[in-house]
Each structure stands twice: as structure tokens, then as C-alpha cells.
Amino acid sequence: MNAFYSRLFALCLLFCPLYIQAEEARPLAEDPVAEKRLLSIAGELRCLVCQNETIAASNADLANDLRREIRTMIGAGKNDEEILDFMVNRYGDFVLYRPPFKASTWLLWLLPPFFFLFGIVGLRLYLIRRNRRLTDAAPLPPEVRDTAKRLLAEASSEPASPP
């Protein structure tokens, strides 16, 4: 049995390198304040390649280019709003994780609460109908009720037979 566990351990060690992923070091700005500001701005922007990650978290080439562009704008003295406006003008509202409420995005903002309320109302109506069906069910006829009581009494009075 000891040989089995040692072989299992060796097999696990064989597959360990498959789970280790190395990443390239990201270039950092010389100024840690600028780098912090970069990460803050990049955290507000969606990666257009991954679409489910921020630019700060993505390793896509486009995200690297956008981070480099943001660094350049920070170095040029632009404020956060100017940088975000530049990105929106270039890529549209989709680049923002929190797009503004306007005519082109009202469905994005209003449909989720509508569907939530629709689901709550639907669930409530279903439960009301189900309870009404259960309480409006016809009672058992007397002969069926008497037979059921007799069978239950017989089953409870019989001694348990040994297996």
C-alpha cells in the first residue's frame, strides 16, 4: 500500500507544472502615484477583447496598448475625466463598466429591475394559485376515508416481523 501512495504522489508531482502559469512582468511607471492612478482608471474600463475583464486585469495586447496610452496621457497631464472621455469617444460607451444613463443605454439600466419585479410578481401569482388549488381540492369520499383509516390502524397494530 505504501508503494501505491508513493506512485500517486509522484504522479501528482508530474502534473503540477501544468497548473503553474508564469506571466510577464508588466511595465510600471516611474511614479507610483501615476501607476495607482493608471490602475484606478483602467479599473473603470472594459477590455474590448475579453469583454468581461477590466483593462487593468487583462493580458490582451489591446489592453496593454490601452494601459500604455493611459500612461502617456497621465504623463501629458490629462485628468481622469479627460482620459475616460477620450476612451469613450474612441470606443463608445461599451468601454465603460458603468455606462451613463441616456437614450442609448436606458434598456441596459431598466430591464434588469423590470425582469426582477416581473419574476417576483410571477412567483407570487404561482404560489397563490397553487395554494388555492390545494385548499379547493375535493374532500375524500367517506368510504375511501374509512378504508384509509382501517389500513393505517392495521399497519400500526401489527408487530414488526424480524428479518
N, C-alpha and C. Protein backbone atom coordinates (compact mmCIF):
# COMPACT_ATOMS: atom_id res chain seq x y z
N MET A 1 0.83 -1.19 0.00
CA MET A 1 0.00 0.00 0.00
C MET A 1 0.87 1.25 0.00
N ASN A 2 2.02 1.18 0.65
CA ASN A 2 2.93 2.32 0.70
C ASN A 2 3.44 2.66 -0.69
N ALA A 3 3.67 1.66 -1.53
CA ALA A 3 4.14 1.89 -2.90
C ALA A 3 3.06 2.61 -3.71
N PHE A 4 1.80 2.29 -3.45
CA PHE A 4 0.70 2.96 -4.15
C PHE A 4 0.70 4.45 -3.88
N TYR A 5 0.85 4.83 -2.61
CA TYR A 5 0.84 6.24 -2.26
C TYR A 5 2.07 6.97 -2.81
N SER A 6 3.20 6.33 -2.85
CA SER A 6 4.38 6.98 -3.39
C SER A 6 4.24 7.18 -4.90
N ARG A 7 3.63 6.22 -5.60
CA ARG A 7 3.39 6.39 -7.03
C ARG A 7 2.35 7.48 -7.29
N LEU A 8 1.33 7.53 -6.45
CA LEU A 8 0.32 8.58 -6.58
C LEU A 8 0.95 9.96 -6.36
N PHE A 9 1.80 10.07 -5.36
CA PHE A 9 2.50 11.33 -5.09
C PHE A 9 3.38 11.73 -6.26
N ALA A 10 4.10 10.76 -6.84
CA ALA A 10 4.96 11.04 -7.99
C ALA A 10 4.13 11.49 -9.19
N LEU A 11 2.97 10.89 -9.37
CA LEU A 11 2.08 11.27 -10.46
C LEU A 11 1.57 12.70 -10.27
N CYS A 12 1.23 13.04 -9.03
CA CYS A 12 0.79 14.41 -8.75
C CYS A 12 1.90 15.41 -9.02
N LEU A 13 3.11 15.07 -8.63
CA LEU A 13 4.24 15.96 -8.90
C LEU A 13 4.50 16.10 -10.40
N LEU A 14 4.20 15.07 -11.14
CA LEU A 14 4.39 15.11 -12.58
C LEU A 14 3.45 16.12 -13.23
N PHE A 15 2.21 16.21 -12.72
CA PHE A 15 1.22 17.11 -13.32
C PHE A 15 1.20 18.50 -12.69
N CYS A 16 1.95 18.74 -11.63
CA CYS A 16 1.97 20.07 -11.00
C CYS A 16 2.40 21.18 -11.95
N PRO A 17 3.41 20.99 -12.78
CA PRO A 17 3.81 22.10 -13.67
C PRO A 17 2.70 22.54 -14.61
N LEU A 18 1.71 21.70 -14.87
CA LEU A 18 0.63 22.09 -15.75
C LEU A 18 -0.24 23.19 -15.13
N TYR A 19 -0.26 23.27 -13.82
CA TYR A 19 -1.09 24.25 -13.13
C TYR A 19 -0.38 25.57 -12.86
N ILE A 20 0.91 25.61 -13.05
CA ILE A 20 1.67 26.82 -12.77
C ILE A 20 1.73 27.65 -14.04
N GLN A 21 1.33 28.90 -13.93
CA GLN A 21 1.37 29.79 -15.08
C GLN A 21 2.20 31.01 -14.73
N ALA A 22 3.17 31.27 -15.54
CA ALA A 22 4.01 32.45 -15.33
C ALA A 22 3.51 33.56 -16.24
N GLU A 23 3.59 34.76 -15.76
CA GLU A 23 3.18 35.92 -16.54
C GLU A 23 4.37 36.85 -16.70
N GLU A 24 4.34 37.62 -17.78
CA GLU A 24 5.37 38.62 -17.96
C GLU A 24 5.13 39.75 -16.98
N ALA A 25 6.21 40.32 -16.52
CA ALA A 25 6.08 41.45 -15.61
C ALA A 25 5.56 42.65 -16.40
N ARG A 26 4.56 43.30 -15.86
CA ARG A 26 4.01 44.48 -16.51
C ARG A 26 4.93 45.67 -16.25
N PRO A 27 5.11 46.50 -17.25
CA PRO A 27 5.96 47.68 -17.01
C PRO A 27 5.27 48.64 -16.05
N LEU A 28 6.01 49.12 -15.10
CA LEU A 28 5.47 50.04 -14.10
C LEU A 28 5.95 51.46 -14.41
N ALA A 29 5.12 52.40 -14.06
CA ALA A 29 5.52 53.80 -14.23
C ALA A 29 6.59 54.13 -13.21
N GLU A 30 7.37 55.13 -13.53
CA GLU A 30 8.41 55.55 -12.59
C GLU A 30 7.78 56.14 -11.34
N ASP A 31 6.62 56.72 -11.49
CA ASP A 31 5.93 57.38 -10.39
C ASP A 31 4.85 56.44 -9.83
N PRO A 32 4.96 56.02 -8.57
CA PRO A 32 3.94 55.10 -8.02
C PRO A 32 2.55 55.75 -7.93
N VAL A 33 2.49 57.06 -7.77
CA VAL A 33 1.20 57.76 -7.74
C VAL A 33 0.53 57.67 -9.11
N ALA A 34 1.32 57.85 -10.17
CA ALA A 34 0.79 57.74 -11.52
C ALA A 34 0.33 56.32 -11.81
N GLU A 35 1.09 55.35 -11.31
CA GLU A 35 0.70 53.94 -11.52
C GLU A 35 -0.60 53.62 -10.80
N LYS A 36 -0.77 54.16 -9.60
CA LYS A 36 -2.01 53.95 -8.84
C LYS A 36 -3.18 54.59 -9.59
N ARG A 37 -2.94 55.77 -10.14
CA ARG A 37 -3.98 56.46 -10.92
C ARG A 37 -4.31 55.68 -12.18
N LEU A 38 -3.29 55.13 -12.83
CA LEU A 38 -3.49 54.29 -14.01
C LEU A 38 -4.37 53.11 -13.68
N LEU A 39 -4.09 52.41 -12.59
CA LEU A 39 -4.89 51.24 -12.21
C LEU A 39 -6.32 51.64 -11.86
N SER A 40 -6.49 52.81 -11.28
CA SER A 40 -7.83 53.29 -10.97
C SER A 40 -8.63 53.55 -12.23
N ILE A 41 -8.02 54.21 -13.20
CA ILE A 41 -8.70 54.50 -14.46
C ILE A 41 -8.93 53.20 -15.24
N ALA A 42 -7.93 52.35 -15.30
CA ALA A 42 -8.05 51.09 -16.05
C ALA A 42 -9.09 50.17 -15.42
N GLY A 43 -9.33 50.32 -14.12
CA GLY A 43 -10.35 49.51 -13.45
C GLY A 43 -11.76 49.92 -13.83
N GLU A 44 -11.92 51.11 -14.40
CA GLU A 44 -13.23 51.60 -14.85
C GLU A 44 -13.53 51.22 -16.29
N LEU A 45 -12.52 50.72 -16.99
CA LEU A 45 -12.68 50.45 -18.42
C LEU A 45 -12.71 48.96 -18.70
N ARG A 46 -13.57 48.55 -19.62
CA ARG A 46 -13.73 47.15 -20.02
C ARG A 46 -12.73 46.82 -21.12
N CYS A 47 -12.15 45.65 -21.02
CA CYS A 47 -11.27 45.18 -22.09
C CYS A 47 -12.16 44.81 -23.27
N LEU A 48 -11.88 45.36 -24.42
CA LEU A 48 -12.72 45.12 -25.60
C LEU A 48 -12.47 43.75 -26.20
N VAL A 49 -11.39 43.10 -25.85
CA VAL A 49 -11.11 41.76 -26.33
C VAL A 49 -11.76 40.73 -25.40
N CYS A 50 -11.49 40.86 -24.11
CA CYS A 50 -12.02 39.89 -23.12
C CYS A 50 -13.49 40.16 -22.82
N GLN A 51 -13.90 41.40 -22.77
CA GLN A 51 -15.25 41.87 -22.53
C GLN A 51 -15.80 41.54 -21.15
N ASN A 52 -15.07 40.81 -20.35
CA ASN A 52 -15.54 40.51 -19.01
C ASN A 52 -14.48 40.83 -17.98
N GLU A 53 -13.45 41.54 -18.39
CA GLU A 53 -12.37 41.92 -17.50
C GLU A 53 -12.09 43.41 -17.68
N THR A 54 -11.50 43.97 -16.68
CA THR A 54 -11.08 45.36 -16.82
C THR A 54 -9.77 45.40 -17.60
N ILE A 55 -9.44 46.58 -18.07
CA ILE A 55 -8.16 46.75 -18.76
C ILE A 55 -7.01 46.48 -17.79
N ALA A 56 -7.22 46.79 -16.51
CA ALA A 56 -6.17 46.57 -15.52
C ALA A 56 -5.89 45.09 -15.32
N ALA A 57 -6.90 44.24 -15.45
CA ALA A 57 -6.73 42.81 -15.17
C ALA A 57 -6.42 41.99 -16.42
N SER A 58 -6.64 42.55 -17.59
CA SER A 58 -6.50 41.79 -18.83
C SER A 58 -5.05 41.71 -19.29
N ASN A 59 -4.72 40.61 -19.94
CA ASN A 59 -3.39 40.44 -20.54
C ASN A 59 -3.43 40.53 -22.05
N ALA A 60 -4.57 40.92 -22.60
CA ALA A 60 -4.70 41.04 -24.06
C ALA A 60 -3.79 42.15 -24.57
N ASP A 61 -3.38 42.01 -25.83
CA ASP A 61 -2.49 43.01 -26.42
C ASP A 61 -3.15 44.39 -26.45
N LEU A 62 -4.45 44.41 -26.76
CA LEU A 62 -5.16 45.70 -26.79
C LEU A 62 -5.18 46.34 -25.41
N ALA A 63 -5.37 45.55 -24.37
CA ALA A 63 -5.37 46.09 -23.01
C ALA A 63 -4.00 46.66 -22.66
N ASN A 64 -2.94 45.97 -23.07
CA ASN A 64 -1.58 46.50 -22.84
C ASN A 64 -1.39 47.83 -23.58
N ASP A 65 -1.88 47.90 -24.82
CA ASP A 65 -1.77 49.15 -25.59
C ASP A 65 -2.57 50.27 -24.92
N LEU A 66 -3.77 49.95 -24.43
CA LEU A 66 -4.59 50.98 -23.78
C LEU A 66 -3.96 51.45 -22.47
N ARG A 67 -3.37 50.53 -21.71
CA ARG A 67 -2.67 50.95 -20.49
C ARG A 67 -1.50 51.86 -20.83
N ARG A 68 -0.77 51.52 -21.90
CA ARG A 68 0.35 52.36 -22.34
C ARG A 68 -0.16 53.74 -22.76
N GLU A 69 -1.31 53.78 -23.46
CA GLU A 69 -1.90 55.05 -23.88
C GLU A 69 -2.33 55.88 -22.67
N ILE A 70 -2.90 55.22 -21.67
CA ILE A 70 -3.32 55.93 -20.45
C ILE A 70 -2.09 56.49 -19.73
N ARG A 71 -1.00 55.71 -19.66
CA ARG A 71 0.24 56.20 -19.05
C ARG A 71 0.74 57.45 -19.77
N THR A 72 0.66 57.42 -21.09
CA THR A 72 1.10 58.57 -21.88
C THR A 72 0.25 59.79 -21.56
N MET A 73 -1.07 59.60 -21.47
CA MET A 73 -1.96 60.72 -21.17
C MET A 73 -1.74 61.25 -19.76
N ILE A 74 -1.49 60.35 -18.81
CA ILE A 74 -1.20 60.79 -17.44
C ILE A 74 0.09 61.61 -17.44
N GLY A 75 1.09 61.14 -18.18
CA GLY A 75 2.35 61.88 -18.29
C GLY A 75 2.17 63.23 -18.96
N ALA A 76 1.17 63.34 -19.86
CA ALA A 76 0.90 64.60 -20.55
C ALA A 76 0.09 65.56 -19.67
N GLY A 77 -0.31 65.11 -18.49
CA GLY A 77 -1.01 65.99 -17.55
C GLY A 77 -2.52 66.00 -17.69
N LYS A 78 -3.10 65.03 -18.40
CA LYS A 78 -4.56 64.99 -18.53
C LYS A 78 -5.17 64.44 -17.25
N ASN A 79 -6.37 64.93 -16.93
CA ASN A 79 -7.04 64.43 -15.73
C ASN A 79 -7.85 63.17 -16.07
N ASP A 80 -8.39 62.52 -15.05
CA ASP A 80 -9.09 61.24 -15.23
C ASP A 80 -10.28 61.37 -16.17
N GLU A 81 -11.03 62.45 -16.03
CA GLU A 81 -12.22 62.63 -16.86
C GLU A 81 -11.86 62.80 -18.32
N GLU A 82 -10.79 63.52 -18.60
CA GLU A 82 -10.34 63.68 -19.99
C GLU A 82 -9.92 62.35 -20.59
N ILE A 83 -9.26 61.53 -19.79
CA ILE A 83 -8.82 60.21 -20.27
C ILE A 83 -10.03 59.33 -20.55
N LEU A 84 -11.00 59.31 -19.63
CA LEU A 84 -12.21 58.49 -19.84
C LEU A 84 -13.00 59.00 -21.04
N ASP A 85 -13.10 60.32 -21.21
CA ASP A 85 -13.79 60.88 -22.37
C ASP A 85 -13.11 60.47 -23.68
N PHE A 86 -11.78 60.47 -23.68
CA PHE A 86 -11.04 60.04 -24.86
C PHE A 86 -11.38 58.58 -25.21
N MET A 87 -11.40 57.72 -24.19
CA MET A 87 -11.70 56.30 -24.43
C MET A 87 -13.14 56.11 -24.92
N VAL A 88 -14.08 56.86 -24.36
CA VAL A 88 -15.48 56.75 -24.79
C VAL A 88 -15.63 57.27 -26.22
N ASN A 89 -14.97 58.38 -26.55
CA ASN A 89 -15.05 58.91 -27.91
C ASN A 89 -14.45 57.94 -28.92
N ARG A 90 -13.45 57.23 -28.50
CA ARG A 90 -12.76 56.31 -29.41
C ARG A 90 -13.48 54.97 -29.53
N TYR A 91 -14.01 54.42 -28.40
CA TYR A 91 -14.57 53.07 -28.40
C TYR A 91 -16.06 53.00 -28.05
N GLY A 92 -16.66 54.09 -27.68
CA GLY A 92 -18.08 54.09 -27.35
C GLY A 92 -18.31 53.79 -25.87
N ASP A 93 -19.60 53.85 -25.48
CA ASP A 93 -19.96 53.62 -24.08
C ASP A 93 -19.67 52.21 -23.61
N PHE A 94 -19.54 51.27 -24.55
CA PHE A 94 -19.30 49.88 -24.18
C PHE A 94 -18.00 49.72 -23.39
N VAL A 95 -17.05 50.61 -23.58
CA VAL A 95 -15.76 50.50 -22.90
C VAL A 95 -15.90 50.78 -21.40
N LEU A 96 -16.96 51.45 -21.00
CA LEU A 96 -17.17 51.76 -19.58
C LEU A 96 -17.88 50.60 -18.88
N TYR A 97 -17.42 50.27 -17.68
CA TYR A 97 -18.13 49.25 -16.90
C TYR A 97 -19.44 49.79 -16.37
N ARG A 98 -19.51 51.09 -16.11
CA ARG A 98 -20.74 51.72 -15.64
C ARG A 98 -21.14 52.80 -16.65
N PRO A 99 -21.81 52.39 -17.73
CA PRO A 99 -22.17 53.38 -18.74
C PRO A 99 -23.19 54.38 -18.19
N PRO A 100 -23.21 55.61 -18.72
CA PRO A 100 -24.15 56.61 -18.22
C PRO A 100 -25.57 56.29 -18.65
N PHE A 101 -26.54 56.82 -17.91
CA PHE A 101 -27.95 56.63 -18.26
C PHE A 101 -28.31 57.66 -19.31
N LYS A 102 -28.59 57.18 -20.52
CA LYS A 102 -29.01 58.07 -21.60
C LYS A 102 -29.87 57.26 -22.57
N ALA A 103 -30.29 57.89 -23.64
CA ALA A 103 -31.24 57.26 -24.55
C ALA A 103 -30.74 55.94 -25.12
N SER A 104 -29.46 55.82 -25.37
CA SER A 104 -28.94 54.59 -25.96
C SER A 104 -28.69 53.48 -24.94
N THR A 105 -28.73 53.81 -23.64
CA THR A 105 -28.45 52.79 -22.62
C THR A 105 -29.61 52.59 -21.65
N TRP A 106 -30.78 53.15 -21.90
CA TRP A 106 -31.87 53.03 -20.93
C TRP A 106 -32.32 51.58 -20.76
N LEU A 107 -32.29 50.79 -21.85
CA LEU A 107 -32.67 49.37 -21.71
C LEU A 107 -31.69 48.64 -20.80
N LEU A 108 -30.43 48.96 -20.93
CA LEU A 108 -29.40 48.34 -20.10
C LEU A 108 -29.65 48.58 -18.62
N TRP A 109 -30.14 49.76 -18.28
CA TRP A 109 -30.37 50.12 -16.89
C TRP A 109 -31.74 49.67 -16.38
N LEU A 110 -32.78 49.67 -17.23
CA LEU A 110 -34.13 49.44 -16.74
C LEU A 110 -34.62 48.00 -16.89
N LEU A 111 -34.07 47.23 -17.83
CA LEU A 111 -34.55 45.85 -17.99
C LEU A 111 -34.24 44.93 -16.81
N PRO A 112 -33.06 44.96 -16.22
CA PRO A 112 -32.83 44.06 -15.07
C PRO A 112 -33.80 44.26 -13.91
N PRO A 113 -34.07 45.50 -13.46
CA PRO A 113 -35.06 45.64 -12.38
C PRO A 113 -36.46 45.22 -12.83
N PHE A 114 -36.80 45.48 -14.10
CA PHE A 114 -38.11 45.07 -14.61
C PHE A 114 -38.24 43.55 -14.56
N PHE A 115 -37.24 42.83 -15.04
CA PHE A 115 -37.31 41.37 -15.02
C PHE A 115 -37.33 40.83 -13.58
N PHE A 116 -36.63 41.48 -12.67
CA PHE A 116 -36.66 41.06 -11.27
C PHE A 116 -38.07 41.22 -10.71
N LEU A 117 -38.69 42.38 -10.92
CA LEU A 117 -40.05 42.60 -10.43
C LEU A 117 -41.04 41.66 -11.11
N PHE A 118 -40.86 41.44 -12.42
CA PHE A 118 -41.71 40.51 -13.16
C PHE A 118 -41.60 39.10 -12.57
N GLY A 119 -40.41 38.69 -12.21
CA GLY A 119 -40.21 37.37 -11.60
C GLY A 119 -40.86 37.27 -10.23
N ILE A 120 -40.73 38.32 -9.42
CA ILE A 120 -41.35 38.32 -8.08
C ILE A 120 -42.87 38.24 -8.20
N VAL A 121 -43.46 39.04 -9.09
CA VAL A 121 -44.92 39.03 -9.27
C VAL A 121 -45.36 37.66 -9.81
N GLY A 122 -44.63 37.12 -10.76
CA GLY A 122 -44.97 35.79 -11.30
C GLY A 122 -44.90 34.71 -10.24
N LEU A 123 -43.87 34.73 -9.41
CA LEU A 123 -43.75 33.75 -8.33
C LEU A 123 -44.89 33.88 -7.34
N ARG A 124 -45.24 35.11 -7.00
CA ARG A 124 -46.34 35.35 -6.06
C ARG A 124 -47.66 34.81 -6.62
N LEU A 125 -47.94 35.09 -7.91
CA LEU A 125 -49.17 34.58 -8.53
C LEU A 125 -49.18 33.06 -8.58
N TYR A 126 -48.05 32.46 -8.89
CA TYR A 126 -47.97 31.00 -8.93
C TYR A 126 -48.27 30.40 -7.56
N LEU A 127 -47.68 30.98 -6.50
CA LEU A 127 -47.90 30.45 -5.16
C LEU A 127 -49.36 30.63 -4.72
N ILE A 128 -49.98 31.75 -5.08
CA ILE A 128 -51.38 31.97 -4.74
C ILE A 128 -52.26 30.93 -5.43
N ARG A 129 -52.02 30.70 -6.73
CA ARG A 129 -52.81 29.70 -7.47
C ARG A 129 -52.60 28.30 -6.92
N ARG A 130 -51.37 27.97 -6.58
CA ARG A 130 -51.08 26.63 -6.06
C ARG A 130 -51.79 26.43 -4.73
N ASN A 131 -51.73 27.40 -3.84
CA ASN A 131 -52.40 27.27 -2.54
C ASN A 131 -53.91 27.19 -2.72
N ARG A 132 -54.45 27.92 -3.68
CA ARG A 132 -55.89 27.88 -3.93
C ARG A 132 -56.30 26.50 -4.43
N ARG A 133 -55.48 25.90 -5.32
CA ARG A 133 -55.77 24.55 -5.81
C ARG A 133 -55.72 23.53 -4.69
N LEU A 134 -54.77 23.68 -3.79
CA LEU A 134 -54.64 22.72 -2.69
C LEU A 134 -55.80 22.83 -1.71
N THR A 135 -56.27 24.04 -1.45
CA THR A 135 -57.37 24.20 -0.48
C THR A 135 -58.72 23.92 -1.11
N ASP A 136 -58.86 24.08 -2.45
CA ASP A 136 -60.13 23.83 -3.12
C ASP A 136 -60.29 22.39 -3.56
N ALA A 137 -59.36 21.52 -3.24
CA ALA A 137 -59.45 20.13 -3.66
C ALA A 137 -60.66 19.47 -2.99
N ALA A 138 -61.31 18.60 -3.76
CA ALA A 138 -62.50 17.92 -3.23
C ALA A 138 -62.10 16.98 -2.11
N PRO A 139 -62.89 16.95 -1.02
CA PRO A 139 -62.55 16.03 0.07
C PRO A 139 -62.77 14.58 -0.35
N LEU A 140 -62.11 13.68 0.36
CA LEU A 140 -62.24 12.26 0.05
C LEU A 140 -63.65 11.78 0.37
N PRO A 141 -64.17 10.86 -0.45
CA PRO A 141 -65.47 10.27 -0.12
C PRO A 141 -65.37 9.49 1.19
N PRO A 142 -66.45 9.38 1.94
CA PRO A 142 -66.40 8.71 3.25
C PRO A 142 -65.90 7.28 3.20
N GLU A 143 -66.26 6.51 2.17
CA GLU A 143 -65.81 5.11 2.11
C GLU A 143 -64.30 5.02 1.89
N VAL A 144 -63.73 5.93 1.11
CA VAL A 144 -62.27 5.92 0.89
C VAL A 144 -61.57 6.33 2.17
N ARG A 145 -62.11 7.34 2.88
CA ARG A 145 -61.52 7.80 4.13
C ARG A 145 -61.56 6.68 5.17
N ASP A 146 -62.68 5.94 5.28
CA ASP A 146 -62.78 4.84 6.24
C ASP A 146 -61.80 3.72 5.91
N THR A 147 -61.64 3.40 4.63
CA THR A 147 -60.70 2.35 4.23
C THR A 147 -59.27 2.77 4.58
N ALA A 148 -58.94 4.03 4.35
CA ALA A 148 -57.59 4.51 4.66
C ALA A 148 -57.33 4.45 6.15
N LYS A 149 -58.32 4.84 6.97
CA LYS A 149 -58.13 4.78 8.43
C LYS A 149 -57.95 3.34 8.90
N ARG A 150 -58.76 2.40 8.34
CA ARG A 150 -58.66 1.00 8.72
C ARG A 150 -57.29 0.44 8.37
N LEU A 151 -56.78 0.75 7.14
CA LEU A 151 -55.46 0.25 6.73
C LEU A 151 -54.34 0.83 7.58
N LEU A 152 -54.45 2.10 7.96
CA LEU A 152 -53.44 2.70 8.82
C LEU A 152 -53.46 2.09 10.21
N ALA A 153 -54.65 1.81 10.71
CA ALA A 153 -54.76 1.19 12.03
C ALA A 153 -54.18 -0.21 12.02
N GLU A 154 -54.46 -0.98 10.96
CA GLU A 154 -53.90 -2.34 10.85
C GLU A 154 -52.38 -2.31 10.76
N ALA A 155 -51.86 -1.36 10.00
CA ALA A 155 -50.40 -1.29 9.81
C ALA A 155 -49.71 -0.90 11.11
N SER A 156 -50.34 -0.05 11.92
CA SER A 156 -49.70 0.37 13.16
C SER A 156 -49.85 -0.66 14.26
N SER A 157 -50.88 -1.53 14.17
CA SER A 157 -51.08 -2.53 15.21
C SER A 157 -50.30 -3.80 14.99
N GLU A 158 -49.84 -4.07 13.78
CA GLU A 158 -49.08 -5.29 13.51
C GLU A 158 -47.70 -5.18 14.10
N PRO A 159 -47.25 -6.23 14.79
CA PRO A 159 -45.90 -6.21 15.33
C PRO A 159 -44.88 -6.32 14.17
N ALA A 160 -43.77 -5.69 14.37
CA ALA A 160 -42.71 -5.72 13.35
C ALA A 160 -42.15 -7.13 13.28
N SER A 161 -42.09 -7.69 12.08
CA SER A 161 -41.56 -9.04 11.92
C SER A 161 -40.04 -8.97 11.81
N PRO A 162 -39.36 -9.93 12.46
CA PRO A 162 -37.88 -9.93 12.37
C PRO A 162 -37.44 -10.30 10.96
N PRO A 163 -36.37 -9.74 10.49
CA PRO A 163 -35.91 -10.03 9.13
C PRO A 163 -35.35 -11.41 8.97
